[in-house]
């Protein structure tokens, strides 16, 4: 893995106006609220957290499906947060996305070949239809499907096969970076490991970088080099995957890891699960202070009044007052 940073996100904020009526008080959902991190060339950066924490919104903002209200997104040293027109089109060739739902993300009226060739046509990658078809057959073989699948429709495939088609579509434009938005959460457990292994093999062969979004920490640890833990739009902890998994520092990460099911009944019996109590703050005009304060057993009065800044602890970043020197 190279040390060069391919993606750098700085103080990114993505808000949504959910005000219901003309005369109703303004309501803003702060889905991503001041997130900063980077991804190195050839690295897999795992992003975890509870449902609704802003993981998918962050991924969609990076690929420019959502517009940020502030902050910067630098790809290969260039700020892409304000790109439009031809520059945005060129960026989207380099940065692709694999969506969570393999059933909803494929057009049921298009054949598999048409789905995979569409990005090639949009970005003018190959000169002839024959070249595009040859590349499509090659991509189908790379993701573990057969060449004759090119004429079939998505409805003829299982969920795991559809996700492989989604992966082939993302690879069709030879991207440098892929946002994997919970690509295995809608699949059977027996299929999940196959898709993870496929993504790892493709990464090695094509020198890709991944942002891998999931809520399953154990699966994220397997595929990721580093992990970021999100809570209510904020990044709470960033560090090497094994360090975060085996030696969590932030109280939220510790609680999140305690909820992972363990197959060995003796170990599971000896392990104590941390039950988070207290109210989850609303992402609509949230109160001041640390977003986790209302559920944290170690919170002090300061936590409810002031928002902590990320603190470097070894090779980790922790957003918590507990680690101030």
C-alpha atoms as a PDB file:
ATOM      1  CA  UNK A   1       0.000   0.000   0.000  1.00  0.00           C
ATOM      2  CA  UNK A   2       1.331   3.390  -0.990  1.00  0.00           C
ATOM      3  CA  UNK A   3       1.534   6.281   1.485  1.00  0.00           C
ATOM      4  CA  UNK A   4       0.165   8.828  -0.987  1.00  0.00           C
ATOM      5  CA  UNK A   5      -3.262  10.153   0.006  1.00  0.00           C
ATOM      6  CA  UNK A   6      -5.849   9.689  -2.766  1.00  0.00           C
ATOM      7  CA  UNK A   7      -8.855  11.151  -0.898  1.00  0.00           C
ATOM      8  CA  UNK A   8      -8.877  13.808   1.808  1.00  0.00           C
ATOM      9  CA  UNK A   9     -12.118  14.947   3.450  1.00  0.00           C
ATOM     10  CA  UNK A  10     -11.889  18.068   5.630  1.00  0.00           C
ATOM     11  CA  UNK A  11     -14.631  19.383   7.955  1.00  0.00           C
ATOM     12  CA  UNK A  12     -17.349  18.086   5.624  1.00  0.00           C
ATOM     13  CA  UNK A  13     -20.967  18.988   6.400  1.00  0.00           C
ATOM     14  CA  UNK A  14     -24.059  17.717   4.578  1.00  0.00           C
ATOM     15  CA  UNK A  15     -27.385  19.087   5.810  1.00  0.00           C
ATOM     16  CA  UNK A  16     -30.963  18.504   4.635  1.00  0.00           C
ATOM     17  CA  UNK A  17     -33.844  20.934   5.021  1.00  0.00           C
ATOM     18  CA  UNK A  18     -36.860  18.927   6.270  1.00  0.00           C
ATOM     19  CA  UNK A  19     -39.097  21.883   7.123  1.00  0.00           C
ATOM     20  CA  UNK A  20     -42.676  20.675   6.518  1.00  0.00           C
ATOM     21  CA  UNK A  21     -44.642  23.840   5.908  1.00  0.00           C
ATOM     22  CA  UNK A  22     -44.199  27.397   4.744  1.00  0.00           C
ATOM     23  CA  UNK A  23     -44.879  28.793   8.206  1.00  0.00           C
ATOM     24  CA  UNK A  24     -43.305  25.940  10.209  1.00  0.00           C
ATOM     25  CA  UNK A  25     -40.054  26.517  12.120  1.00  0.00           C
ATOM     26  CA  UNK A  26     -36.983  25.648  10.059  1.00  0.00           C
ATOM     27  CA  UNK A  27     -35.751  22.107  10.615  1.00  0.00           C
ATOM     28  CA  UNK A  28     -32.318  21.034   9.401  1.00  0.00           C
ATOM     29  CA  UNK A  29     -31.015  17.453   9.584  1.00  0.00           C
ATOM     30  CA  UNK A  30     -27.273  17.528  10.161  1.00  0.00           C
ATOM     31  CA  UNK A  31     -26.519  14.166   8.537  1.00  0.00           C
ATOM     32  CA  UNK A  32     -22.749  14.771   8.263  1.00  0.00           C
ATOM     33  CA  UNK A  33     -21.451  17.401  10.656  1.00  0.00           C
ATOM     34  CA  UNK A  34     -17.761  18.280  10.447  1.00  0.00           C
ATOM     35  CA  UNK A  35     -16.193  14.969   9.365  1.00  0.00           C
ATOM     36  CA  UNK A  36     -12.494  14.769   8.461  1.00  0.00           C
ATOM     37  CA  UNK A  37     -10.433  11.751   7.333  1.00  0.00           C
ATOM     38  CA  UNK A  38      -8.206  10.578   4.486  1.00  0.00           C
ATOM     39  CA  UNK A  39      -7.754   7.433   2.417  1.00  0.00           C
ATOM     40  CA  UNK A  40      -4.372   6.362   1.076  1.00  0.00           C
ATOM     41  CA  UNK A  41      -3.704   4.942  -2.371  1.00  0.00           C
ATOM     42  CA  UNK A  42      -4.465   1.197  -2.382  1.00  0.00           C
ATOM     43  CA  UNK A  43      -6.048   1.335   1.074  1.00  0.00           C
ATOM     44  CA  UNK A  44      -9.449   0.180   2.318  1.00  0.00           C
ATOM     45  CA  UNK A  45     -10.909   2.638   4.815  1.00  0.00           C
ATOM     46  CA  UNK A  46     -13.793   1.060   6.732  1.00  0.00           C
ATOM     47  CA  UNK A  47     -16.631   3.246   7.977  1.00  0.00           C
ATOM     48  CA  UNK A  48     -18.915   1.864  10.697  1.00  0.00           C
ATOM     49  CA  UNK A  49     -21.672   3.036  13.005  1.00  0.00           C
ATOM     50  CA  UNK A  50     -25.319   2.529  13.852  1.00  0.00           C
ATOM     51  CA  UNK A  51     -28.054   2.970  11.248  1.00  0.00           C
ATOM     52  CA  UNK A  52     -28.748   6.658  10.718  1.00  0.00           C
ATOM     53  CA  UNK A  53     -25.285   7.842  11.783  1.00  0.00           C
ATOM     54  CA  UNK A  54     -24.559   9.398   8.366  1.00  0.00           C
ATOM     55  CA  UNK A  55     -22.298   6.733   6.803  1.00  0.00           C
ATOM     56  CA  UNK A  56     -24.176   6.412   3.519  1.00  0.00           C
ATOM     57  CA  UNK A  57     -24.761  10.163   3.287  1.00  0.00           C
ATOM     58  CA  UNK A  58     -21.010  10.695   3.644  1.00  0.00           C
ATOM     59  CA  UNK A  59     -20.315   8.164   0.866  1.00  0.00           C
ATOM     60  CA  UNK A  60     -22.899   9.726  -1.444  1.00  0.00           C
ATOM     61  CA  UNK A  61     -21.507  13.204  -0.757  1.00  0.00           C
ATOM     62  CA  UNK A  62     -18.009  12.018  -1.721  1.00  0.00           C
ATOM     63  CA  UNK A  63     -19.252  10.739  -5.098  1.00  0.00           C
ATOM     64  CA  UNK A  64     -21.218  13.979  -5.578  1.00  0.00           C
ATOM     65  CA  UNK A  65     -24.713  12.502  -5.373  1.00  0.00           C
ATOM     66  CA  UNK A  66     -25.328  14.938  -2.506  1.00  0.00           C
ATOM     67  CA  UNK A  67     -23.953  18.460  -2.286  1.00  0.00           C
ATOM     68  CA  UNK A  68     -22.121  19.442   0.935  1.00  0.00           C
ATOM     69  CA  UNK A  69     -22.997  22.750   2.612  1.00  0.00           C
ATOM     70  CA  UNK A  70     -19.355  23.294   3.612  1.00  0.00           C
ATOM     71  CA  UNK A  71     -15.977  21.590   3.858  1.00  0.00           C
ATOM     72  CA  UNK A  72     -13.725  20.180   1.161  1.00  0.00           C
ATOM     73  CA  UNK A  73     -13.276  16.866  -0.639  1.00  0.00           C
ATOM     74  CA  UNK A  74      -9.857  16.530  -2.249  1.00  0.00           C
ATOM     75  CA  UNK A  75      -9.261  13.739  -4.756  1.00  0.00           C
ATOM     76  CA  UNK A  76      -5.645  13.318  -5.829  1.00  0.00           C
ATOM     77  CA  UNK A  77      -4.908  16.768  -4.423  1.00  0.00           C
ATOM     78  CA  UNK A  78      -7.737  18.579  -6.231  1.00  0.00           C
ATOM     79  CA  UNK A  79     -10.802  19.975  -4.443  1.00  0.00           C
ATOM     80  CA  UNK A  80     -13.787  18.395  -6.182  1.00  0.00           C
ATOM     81  CA  UNK A  81     -16.554  19.654  -3.876  1.00  0.00           C
ATOM     82  CA  UNK A  82     -17.577  22.407  -6.346  1.00  0.00           C
ATOM     83  CA  UNK A  83     -17.004  20.584  -9.642  1.00  0.00           C
ATOM     84  CA  UNK A  84     -19.560  20.877 -12.440  1.00  0.00           C
ATOM     85  CA  UNK A  85     -19.914  19.950 -16.097  1.00  0.00           C
ATOM     86  CA  UNK A  86     -17.038  18.211 -17.866  1.00  0.00           C
ATOM     87  CA  UNK A  87     -14.815  18.272 -14.759  1.00  0.00           C
ATOM     88  CA  UNK A  88     -17.490  16.517 -12.696  1.00  0.00           C
ATOM     89  CA  UNK A  89     -17.932  13.910 -15.447  1.00  0.00           C
ATOM     90  CA  UNK A  90     -14.184  13.223 -15.460  1.00  0.00           C
ATOM     91  CA  UNK A  91     -14.203  12.876 -11.672  1.00  0.00           C
ATOM     92  CA  UNK A  92     -17.042  10.367 -11.778  1.00  0.00           C
ATOM     93  CA  UNK A  93     -15.034   8.202 -14.133  1.00  0.00           C
ATOM     94  CA  UNK A  94     -12.343   7.921 -11.444  1.00  0.00           C
ATOM     95  CA  UNK A  95     -14.699   7.506  -8.476  1.00  0.00           C
ATOM     96  CA  UNK A  96     -17.481   4.923  -8.657  1.00  0.00           C
ATOM     97  CA  UNK A  97     -19.996   3.490  -6.192  1.00  0.00           C
ATOM     98  CA  UNK A  98     -21.362   0.040  -5.371  1.00  0.00           C
ATOM     99  CA  UNK A  99     -24.849   0.455  -3.912  1.00  0.00           C
ATOM    100  CA  UNK A 100     -26.387  -1.347  -0.964  1.00  0.00           C
ATOM    101  CA  UNK A 101     -29.468  -2.831  -2.594  1.00  0.00           C
ATOM    102  CA  UNK A 102     -28.623  -5.083  -5.569  1.00  0.00           C
ATOM    103  CA  UNK A 103     -32.327  -5.288  -6.432  1.00  0.00           C
ATOM    104  CA  UNK A 104     -33.043  -1.555  -6.666  1.00  0.00           C
ATOM    105  CA  UNK A 105     -29.726  -0.413  -8.160  1.00  0.00           C
ATOM    106  CA  UNK A 106     -30.053  -2.269 -11.489  1.00  0.00           C
ATOM    107  CA  UNK A 107     -32.479  -1.191 -14.215  1.00  0.00           C
ATOM    108  CA  UNK A 108     -34.866  -4.163 -14.702  1.00  0.00           C
ATOM    109  CA  UNK A 109     -35.546  -3.155 -18.339  1.00  0.00           C
ATOM    110  CA  UNK A 110     -31.892  -3.364 -19.372  1.00  0.00           C
ATOM    111  CA  UNK A 111     -29.886  -6.515 -20.005  1.00  0.00           C
ATOM    112  CA  UNK A 112     -26.748  -7.162 -17.971  1.00  0.00           C
ATOM    113  CA  UNK A 113     -24.664  -6.207 -21.000  1.00  0.00           C
ATOM    114  CA  UNK A 114     -26.492  -2.894 -21.420  1.00  0.00           C
ATOM    115  CA  UNK A 115     -26.110  -2.105 -17.703  1.00  0.00           C
ATOM    116  CA  UNK A 116     -22.343  -2.653 -17.749  1.00  0.00           C
ATOM    117  CA  UNK A 117     -21.775  -0.998 -21.138  1.00  0.00           C
ATOM    118  CA  UNK A 118     -23.767   2.144 -20.310  1.00  0.00           C
ATOM    119  CA  UNK A 119     -20.910   3.796 -18.309  1.00  0.00           C
ATOM    120  CA  UNK A 120     -18.486   2.974 -21.149  1.00  0.00           C
ATOM    121  CA  UNK A 121     -20.751   4.783 -23.624  1.00  0.00           C
ATOM    122  CA  UNK A 122     -21.237   7.801 -21.328  1.00  0.00           C
ATOM    123  CA  UNK A 123     -17.481   8.218 -20.826  1.00  0.00           C
ATOM    124  CA  UNK A 124     -16.487   7.333 -24.418  1.00  0.00           C
ATOM    125  CA  UNK A 125     -14.017   4.681 -23.290  1.00  0.00           C
ATOM    126  CA  UNK A 126     -14.120   2.316 -26.286  1.00  0.00           C
ATOM    127  CA  UNK A 127     -14.488   3.159 -29.971  1.00  0.00           C
ATOM    128  CA  UNK A 128     -16.792   0.365 -31.072  1.00  0.00           C
ATOM    129  CA  UNK A 129     -19.665  -1.757 -29.784  1.00  0.00           C
ATOM    130  CA  UNK A 130     -17.536  -4.879 -30.310  1.00  0.00           C
ATOM    131  CA  UNK A 131     -14.821  -3.552 -28.002  1.00  0.00           C
ATOM    132  CA  UNK A 132     -17.374  -2.639 -25.337  1.00  0.00           C
ATOM    133  CA  UNK A 133     -18.946  -6.090 -25.533  1.00  0.00           C
ATOM    134  CA  UNK A 134     -15.561  -7.806 -25.289  1.00  0.00           C
ATOM    135  CA  UNK A 135     -14.695  -5.755 -22.198  1.00  0.00           C
ATOM    136  CA  UNK A 136     -18.106  -6.532 -20.674  1.00  0.00           C
ATOM    137  CA  UNK A 137     -17.539 -10.274 -21.112  1.00  0.00           C
ATOM    138  CA  UNK A 138     -14.134  -9.872 -19.464  1.00  0.00           C
ATOM    139  CA  UNK A 139     -15.669  -7.999 -16.519  1.00  0.00           C
ATOM    140  CA  UNK A 140     -18.352 -10.658 -16.084  1.00  0.00           C
ATOM    141  CA  UNK A 141     -15.634 -13.304 -15.845  1.00  0.00           C
ATOM    142  CA  UNK A 142     -13.676 -11.179 -13.343  1.00  0.00           C
ATOM    143  CA  UNK A 143     -16.685 -10.988 -10.995  1.00  0.00           C
ATOM    144  CA  UNK A 144     -17.439 -14.703 -11.319  1.00  0.00           C
ATOM    145  CA  UNK A 145     -20.276 -14.684 -13.866  1.00  0.00           C
ATOM    146  CA  UNK A 146     -20.554 -16.399 -17.254  1.00  0.00           C
ATOM    147  CA  UNK A 147     -20.182 -14.713 -20.661  1.00  0.00           C
ATOM    148  CA  UNK A 148     -23.689 -15.790 -21.730  1.00  0.00           C
ATOM    149  CA  UNK A 149     -25.153 -13.796 -18.822  1.00  0.00           C
ATOM    150  CA  UNK A 150     -24.631 -10.688 -20.948  1.00  0.00           C
ATOM    151  CA  UNK A 151     -28.030 -11.201 -22.659  1.00  0.00           C
ATOM    152  CA  UNK A 152     -30.049 -11.811 -19.481  1.00  0.00           C
ATOM    153  CA  UNK A 153     -32.027  -9.421 -17.289  1.00  0.00           C
ATOM    154  CA  UNK A 154     -31.439  -8.657 -13.563  1.00  0.00           C
ATOM    155  CA  UNK A 155     -34.648 -10.507 -12.566  1.00  0.00           C
ATOM    156  CA  UNK A 156     -33.002 -13.774 -13.660  1.00  0.00           C
ATOM    157  CA  UNK A 157     -30.268 -13.530 -11.011  1.00  0.00           C
ATOM    158  CA  UNK A 158     -29.957 -14.033  -7.262  1.00  0.00           C
ATOM    159  CA  UNK A 159     -29.041 -11.203  -4.889  1.00  0.00           C
ATOM    160  CA  UNK A 160     -25.392 -12.213  -4.785  1.00  0.00           C
ATOM    161  CA  UNK A 161     -25.203 -12.392  -8.574  1.00  0.00           C
ATOM    162  CA  UNK A 162     -26.866  -8.994  -8.906  1.00  0.00           C
ATOM    163  CA  UNK A 163     -24.289  -7.472  -6.593  1.00  0.00           C
ATOM    164  CA  UNK A 164     -21.566  -8.958  -8.787  1.00  0.00           C
ATOM    165  CA  UNK A 165     -23.205  -7.207 -11.749  1.00  0.00           C
ATOM    166  CA  UNK A 166     -23.127  -3.977  -9.733  1.00  0.00           C
ATOM    167  CA  UNK A 167     -19.422  -4.495  -9.075  1.00  0.00           C
ATOM    168  CA  UNK A 168     -18.784  -5.113 -12.785  1.00  0.00           C
ATOM    169  CA  UNK A 169     -20.644  -1.895 -13.632  1.00  0.00           C
ATOM    170  CA  UNK A 170     -18.468   0.059 -11.177  1.00  0.00           C
ATOM    171  CA  UNK A 171     -15.322  -1.420 -12.768  1.00  0.00           C
ATOM    172  CA  UNK A 172     -16.474  -0.666 -16.331  1.00  0.00           C
ATOM    173  CA  UNK A 173     -14.813   2.780 -16.438  1.00  0.00           C
ATOM    174  CA  UNK A 174     -11.502   1.670 -14.840  1.00  0.00           C
ATOM    175  CA  UNK A 175     -11.948   3.737 -11.646  1.00  0.00           C
ATOM    176  CA  UNK A 176      -9.255   4.545  -9.098  1.00  0.00           C
ATOM    177  CA  UNK A 177     -11.548   4.752  -6.068  1.00  0.00           C
ATOM    178  CA  UNK A 178     -14.776   2.919  -5.183  1.00  0.00           C
ATOM    179  CA  UNK A 179     -17.271   3.758  -2.435  1.00  0.00           C
ATOM    180  CA  UNK A 180     -18.783   0.461  -1.272  1.00  0.00           C
ATOM    181  CA  UNK A 181     -22.051   1.437   0.435  1.00  0.00           C
ATOM    182  CA  UNK A 182     -22.929  -1.583   2.580  1.00  0.00           C
ATOM    183  CA  UNK A 183     -22.474  -3.892  -0.427  1.00  0.00           C
ATOM    184  CA  UNK A 184     -23.110  -7.089   1.559  1.00  0.00           C
ATOM    185  CA  UNK A 185     -25.846  -6.119   4.030  1.00  0.00           C
ATOM    186  CA  UNK A 186     -28.686  -7.241   1.709  1.00  0.00           C
ATOM    187  CA  UNK A 187     -27.030 -10.614   0.965  1.00  0.00           C
ATOM    188  CA  UNK A 188     -27.225 -14.009   2.658  1.00  0.00           C
ATOM    189  CA  UNK A 189     -24.453 -14.689   5.157  1.00  0.00           C
ATOM    190  CA  UNK A 190     -23.170 -17.535   2.971  1.00  0.00           C
ATOM    191  CA  UNK A 191     -22.718 -15.111   0.063  1.00  0.00           C
ATOM    192  CA  UNK A 192     -21.211 -12.210   2.030  1.00  0.00           C
ATOM    193  CA  UNK A 193     -17.751 -13.786   2.378  1.00  0.00           C
ATOM    194  CA  UNK A 194     -17.648 -14.535  -1.371  1.00  0.00           C
ATOM    195  CA  UNK A 195     -18.337 -10.899  -2.242  1.00  0.00           C
ATOM    196  CA  UNK A 196     -15.768  -9.659   0.297  1.00  0.00           C
ATOM    197  CA  UNK A 197     -13.108 -11.998  -1.148  1.00  0.00           C
ATOM    198  CA  UNK A 198     -14.024 -10.855  -4.672  1.00  0.00           C
ATOM    199  CA  UNK A 199     -13.593  -7.187  -3.690  1.00  0.00           C
ATOM    200  CA  UNK A 200     -10.206  -7.939  -2.107  1.00  0.00           C
ATOM    201  CA  UNK A 201      -8.963  -9.799  -5.192  1.00  0.00           C
ATOM    202  CA  UNK A 202     -10.129  -7.017  -7.519  1.00  0.00           C
ATOM    203  CA  UNK A 203      -8.423  -4.415  -5.334  1.00  0.00           C
ATOM    204  CA  UNK A 204      -5.083  -6.219  -5.572  1.00  0.00           C
ATOM    205  CA  UNK A 205      -5.332  -6.752  -9.329  1.00  0.00           C
ATOM    206  CA  UNK A 206      -6.435  -3.204 -10.185  1.00  0.00           C
ATOM    207  CA  UNK A 207      -4.699  -1.233  -7.411  1.00  0.00           C
ATOM    208  CA  UNK A 208      -7.995   0.256  -6.228  1.00  0.00           C
ATOM    209  CA  UNK A 209      -8.765   2.247  -3.092  1.00  0.00           C
ATOM    210  CA  UNK A 210     -12.010   1.600  -1.193  1.00  0.00           C
ATOM    211  CA  UNK A 211     -14.252   3.409   1.231  1.00  0.00           C
ATOM    212  CA  UNK A 212     -16.088   0.411   2.694  1.00  0.00           C
ATOM    213  CA  UNK A 213     -19.271   1.352   4.563  1.00  0.00           C
ATOM    214  CA  UNK A 214     -20.949  -1.211   6.848  1.00  0.00           C
ATOM    215  CA  UNK A 215     -22.533  -1.677  10.244  1.00  0.00           C
ATOM    216  CA  UNK A 216     -20.887  -5.073  10.847  1.00  0.00           C
ATOM    217  CA  UNK A 217     -17.616  -4.294  12.647  1.00  0.00           C
ATOM    218  CA  UNK A 218     -16.236  -7.828  12.387  1.00  0.00           C
ATOM    219  CA  UNK A 219     -16.644  -7.842   8.586  1.00  0.00           C
ATOM    220  CA  UNK A 220     -15.145  -4.362   8.315  1.00  0.00           C
ATOM    221  CA  UNK A 221     -12.118  -5.451  10.363  1.00  0.00           C
ATOM    222  CA  UNK A 222     -11.520  -8.300   7.902  1.00  0.00           C
ATOM    223  CA  UNK A 223     -11.367  -6.119   4.782  1.00  0.00           C
ATOM    224  CA  UNK A 224     -10.130  -2.744   6.127  1.00  0.00           C
ATOM    225  CA  UNK A 225      -6.672  -1.317   6.738  1.00  0.00           C
ATOM    226  CA  UNK A 226      -8.086   1.476   8.908  1.00  0.00           C
ATOM    227  CA  UNK A 227     -11.496   2.051  10.478  1.00  0.00           C
ATOM    228  CA  UNK A 228     -13.496   5.194  11.194  1.00  0.00           C
ATOM    229  CA  UNK A 229     -16.373   5.038  13.697  1.00  0.00           C
ATOM    230  CA  UNK A 230     -19.282   7.461  13.131  1.00  0.00           C
ATOM    231  CA  UNK A 231     -22.033   8.566  15.478  1.00  0.00           C
ATOM    232  CA  UNK A 232     -24.788  11.063  14.597  1.00  0.00           C
ATOM    233  CA  UNK A 233     -22.818  12.679  11.799  1.00  0.00           C
ATOM    234  CA  UNK A 234     -19.524  12.901  13.709  1.00  0.00           C
ATOM    235  CA  UNK A 235     -16.331  10.842  13.475  1.00  0.00           C
ATOM    236  CA  UNK A 236     -15.609   9.478  16.955  1.00  0.00           C
ATOM    237  CA  UNK A 237     -12.511   7.335  16.390  1.00  0.00           C
ATOM    238  CA  UNK A 238     -10.096   6.583  13.536  1.00  0.00           C
ATOM    239  CA  UNK A 239      -7.284   4.046  13.682  1.00  0.00           C
ATOM    240  CA  UNK A 240      -5.733   0.839  12.316  1.00  0.00           C
ATOM    241  CA  UNK A 241      -8.374  -1.868  11.960  1.00  0.00           C
ATOM    242  CA  UNK A 242      -6.934  -4.348  14.478  1.00  0.00           C
ATOM    243  CA  UNK A 243      -6.235  -1.623  17.051  1.00  0.00           C
ATOM    244  CA  UNK A 244      -9.783  -0.267  16.858  1.00  0.00           C
ATOM    245  CA  UNK A 245     -11.251  -3.783  16.983  1.00  0.00           C
ATOM    246  CA  UNK A 246      -9.159  -5.236  19.806  1.00  0.00           C
ATOM    247  CA  UNK A 247      -8.261  -2.082  21.768  1.00  0.00           C
ATOM    248  CA  UNK A 248     -11.063   0.458  21.288  1.00  0.00           C
ATOM    249  CA  UNK A 249     -10.598   3.796  23.051  1.00  0.00           C
ATOM    250  CA  UNK A 250     -13.739   5.872  22.533  1.00  0.00           C
ATOM    251  CA  UNK A 251     -16.649   4.923  24.849  1.00  0.00           C
ATOM    252  CA  UNK A 252     -18.959   4.571  21.838  1.00  0.00           C
ATOM    253  CA  UNK A 253     -16.553   2.239  20.002  1.00  0.00           C
ATOM    254  CA  UNK A 254     -16.232   0.127  23.168  1.00  0.00           C
ATOM    255  CA  UNK A 255     -20.027  -0.173  23.418  1.00  0.00           C
ATOM    256  CA  UNK A 256     -20.370  -0.925  19.704  1.00  0.00           C
ATOM    257  CA  UNK A 257     -17.820  -3.742  19.880  1.00  0.00           C
ATOM    258  CA  UNK A 258     -19.437  -5.270  22.974  1.00  0.00           C
ATOM    259  CA  UNK A 259     -22.582  -5.913  20.890  1.00  0.00           C
ATOM    260  CA  UNK A 260     -20.813  -8.178  18.357  1.00  0.00           C
ATOM    261  CA  UNK A 261     -22.210 -11.729  18.665  1.00  0.00           C
ATOM    262  CA  UNK A 262     -19.691 -14.441  19.620  1.00  0.00           C
ATOM    263  CA  UNK A 263     -20.131 -18.007  18.360  1.00  0.00           C
ATOM    264  CA  UNK A 264     -18.403 -19.666  21.351  1.00  0.00           C
ATOM    265  CA  UNK A 265     -21.040 -19.873  24.152  1.00  0.00           C
ATOM    266  CA  UNK A 266     -18.431 -19.994  26.943  1.00  0.00           C
ATOM    267  CA  UNK A 267     -16.679 -16.834  25.745  1.00  0.00           C
ATOM    268  CA  UNK A 268     -20.023 -15.156  25.097  1.00  0.00           C
ATOM    269  CA  UNK A 269     -21.175 -15.928  28.640  1.00  0.00           C
ATOM    270  CA  UNK A 270     -18.026 -14.422  30.146  1.00  0.00           C
ATOM    271  CA  UNK A 271     -18.254 -11.289  28.007  1.00  0.00           C
ATOM    272  CA  UNK A 272     -20.293  -8.391  29.338  1.00  0.00           C
ATOM    273  CA  UNK A 273     -22.294  -6.347  26.877  1.00  0.00           C
ATOM    274  CA  UNK A 274     -22.528  -2.610  27.411  1.00  0.00           C
ATOM    275  CA  UNK A 275     -26.145  -1.472  27.242  1.00  0.00           C
ATOM    276  CA  UNK A 276     -26.345   2.156  26.166  1.00  0.00           C
ATOM    277  CA  UNK A 277     -28.959   4.087  28.106  1.00  0.00           C
ATOM    278  CA  UNK A 278     -30.290   7.594  27.714  1.00  0.00           C
ATOM    279  CA  UNK A 279     -31.898   9.394  24.813  1.00  0.00           C
ATOM    280  CA  UNK A 280     -30.371   9.555  21.325  1.00  0.00           C
ATOM    281  CA  UNK A 281     -30.217  13.231  20.333  1.00  0.00           C
ATOM    282  CA  UNK A 282     -32.213  14.243  17.277  1.00  0.00           C
ATOM    283  CA  UNK A 283     -30.121  15.028  14.186  1.00  0.00           C
ATOM    284  CA  UNK A 284     -32.557  17.919  13.634  1.00  0.00           C
ATOM    285  CA  UNK A 285     -30.970  20.928  15.344  1.00  0.00           C
ATOM    286  CA  UNK A 286     -28.989  18.776  17.823  1.00  0.00           C
ATOM    287  CA  UNK A 287     -28.068  20.162  21.259  1.00  0.00           C
ATOM    288  CA  UNK A 288     -24.578  21.558  21.971  1.00  0.00           C
ATOM    289  CA  UNK A 289     -21.773  19.383  23.293  1.00  0.00           C
ATOM    290  CA  UNK A 290     -20.587  15.896  22.434  1.00  0.00           C
ATOM    291  CA  UNK A 291     -23.264  14.043  20.420  1.00  0.00           C
ATOM    292  CA  UNK A 292     -22.658  10.886  22.496  1.00  0.00           C
ATOM    293  CA  UNK A 293     -22.862  12.624  25.899  1.00  0.00           C
ATOM    294  CA  UNK A 294     -26.497  11.663  26.636  1.00  0.00           C
ATOM    295  CA  UNK A 295     -25.643   7.933  26.359  1.00  0.00           C
ATOM    296  CA  UNK A 296     -22.098   7.941  27.728  1.00  0.00           C
ATOM    297  CA  UNK A 297     -21.451   6.621  31.257  1.00  0.00           C
ATOM    298  CA  UNK A 298     -18.258   8.712  31.477  1.00  0.00           C
ATOM    299  CA  UNK A 299     -19.795  12.022  30.415  1.00  0.00           C
ATOM    300  CA  UNK A 300     -19.164  15.095  32.570  1.00  0.00           C
ATOM    301  CA  UNK A 301     -20.901  18.463  32.664  1.00  0.00           C
ATOM    302  CA  UNK A 302     -18.383  19.753  30.130  1.00  0.00           C
ATOM    303  CA  UNK A 303     -19.436  17.092  27.604  1.00  0.00           C
ATOM    304  CA  UNK A 304     -22.947  18.566  27.469  1.00  0.00           C
ATOM    305  CA  UNK A 305     -21.688  22.107  26.847  1.00  0.00           C
ATOM    306  CA  UNK A 306     -18.618  21.819  24.607  1.00  0.00           C
ATOM    307  CA  UNK A 307     -17.929  19.745  21.490  1.00  0.00           C
ATOM    308  CA  UNK A 308     -14.588  17.885  21.712  1.00  0.00           C
ATOM    309  CA  UNK A 309     -11.999  18.190  18.954  1.00  0.00           C
ATOM    310  CA  UNK A 310     -10.163  15.108  17.566  1.00  0.00           C
ATOM    311  CA  UNK A 311      -7.129  14.257  19.703  1.00  0.00           C
ATOM    312  CA  UNK A 312      -4.163  12.241  18.426  1.00  0.00           C
ATOM    313  CA  UNK A 313      -3.479   9.216  20.653  1.00  0.00           C
ATOM    314  CA  UNK A 314      -0.618   7.229  19.137  1.00  0.00           C
ATOM    315  CA  UNK A 315      -1.681   6.467  15.580  1.00  0.00           C
ATOM    316  CA  UNK A 316      -5.351   7.101  16.340  1.00  0.00           C
ATOM    317  CA  UNK A 317      -7.669  10.097  16.389  1.00  0.00           C
ATOM    318  CA  UNK A 318     -10.192  10.157  19.256  1.00  0.00           C
ATOM    319  CA  UNK A 319     -12.948  12.765  19.575  1.00  0.00           C
ATOM    320  CA  UNK A 320     -13.306  12.669  23.351  1.00  0.00           C
ATOM    321  CA  UNK A 321     -12.316  14.854  26.334  1.00  0.00           C
ATOM    322  CA  UNK A 322     -11.105  11.733  28.199  1.00  0.00           C
ATOM    323  CA  UNK A 323      -7.873  11.740  26.212  1.00  0.00           C
ATOM    324  CA  UNK A 324      -6.879  15.343  26.700  1.00  0.00           C
ATOM    325  CA  UNK A 325      -3.446  15.708  28.269  1.00  0.00           C
END
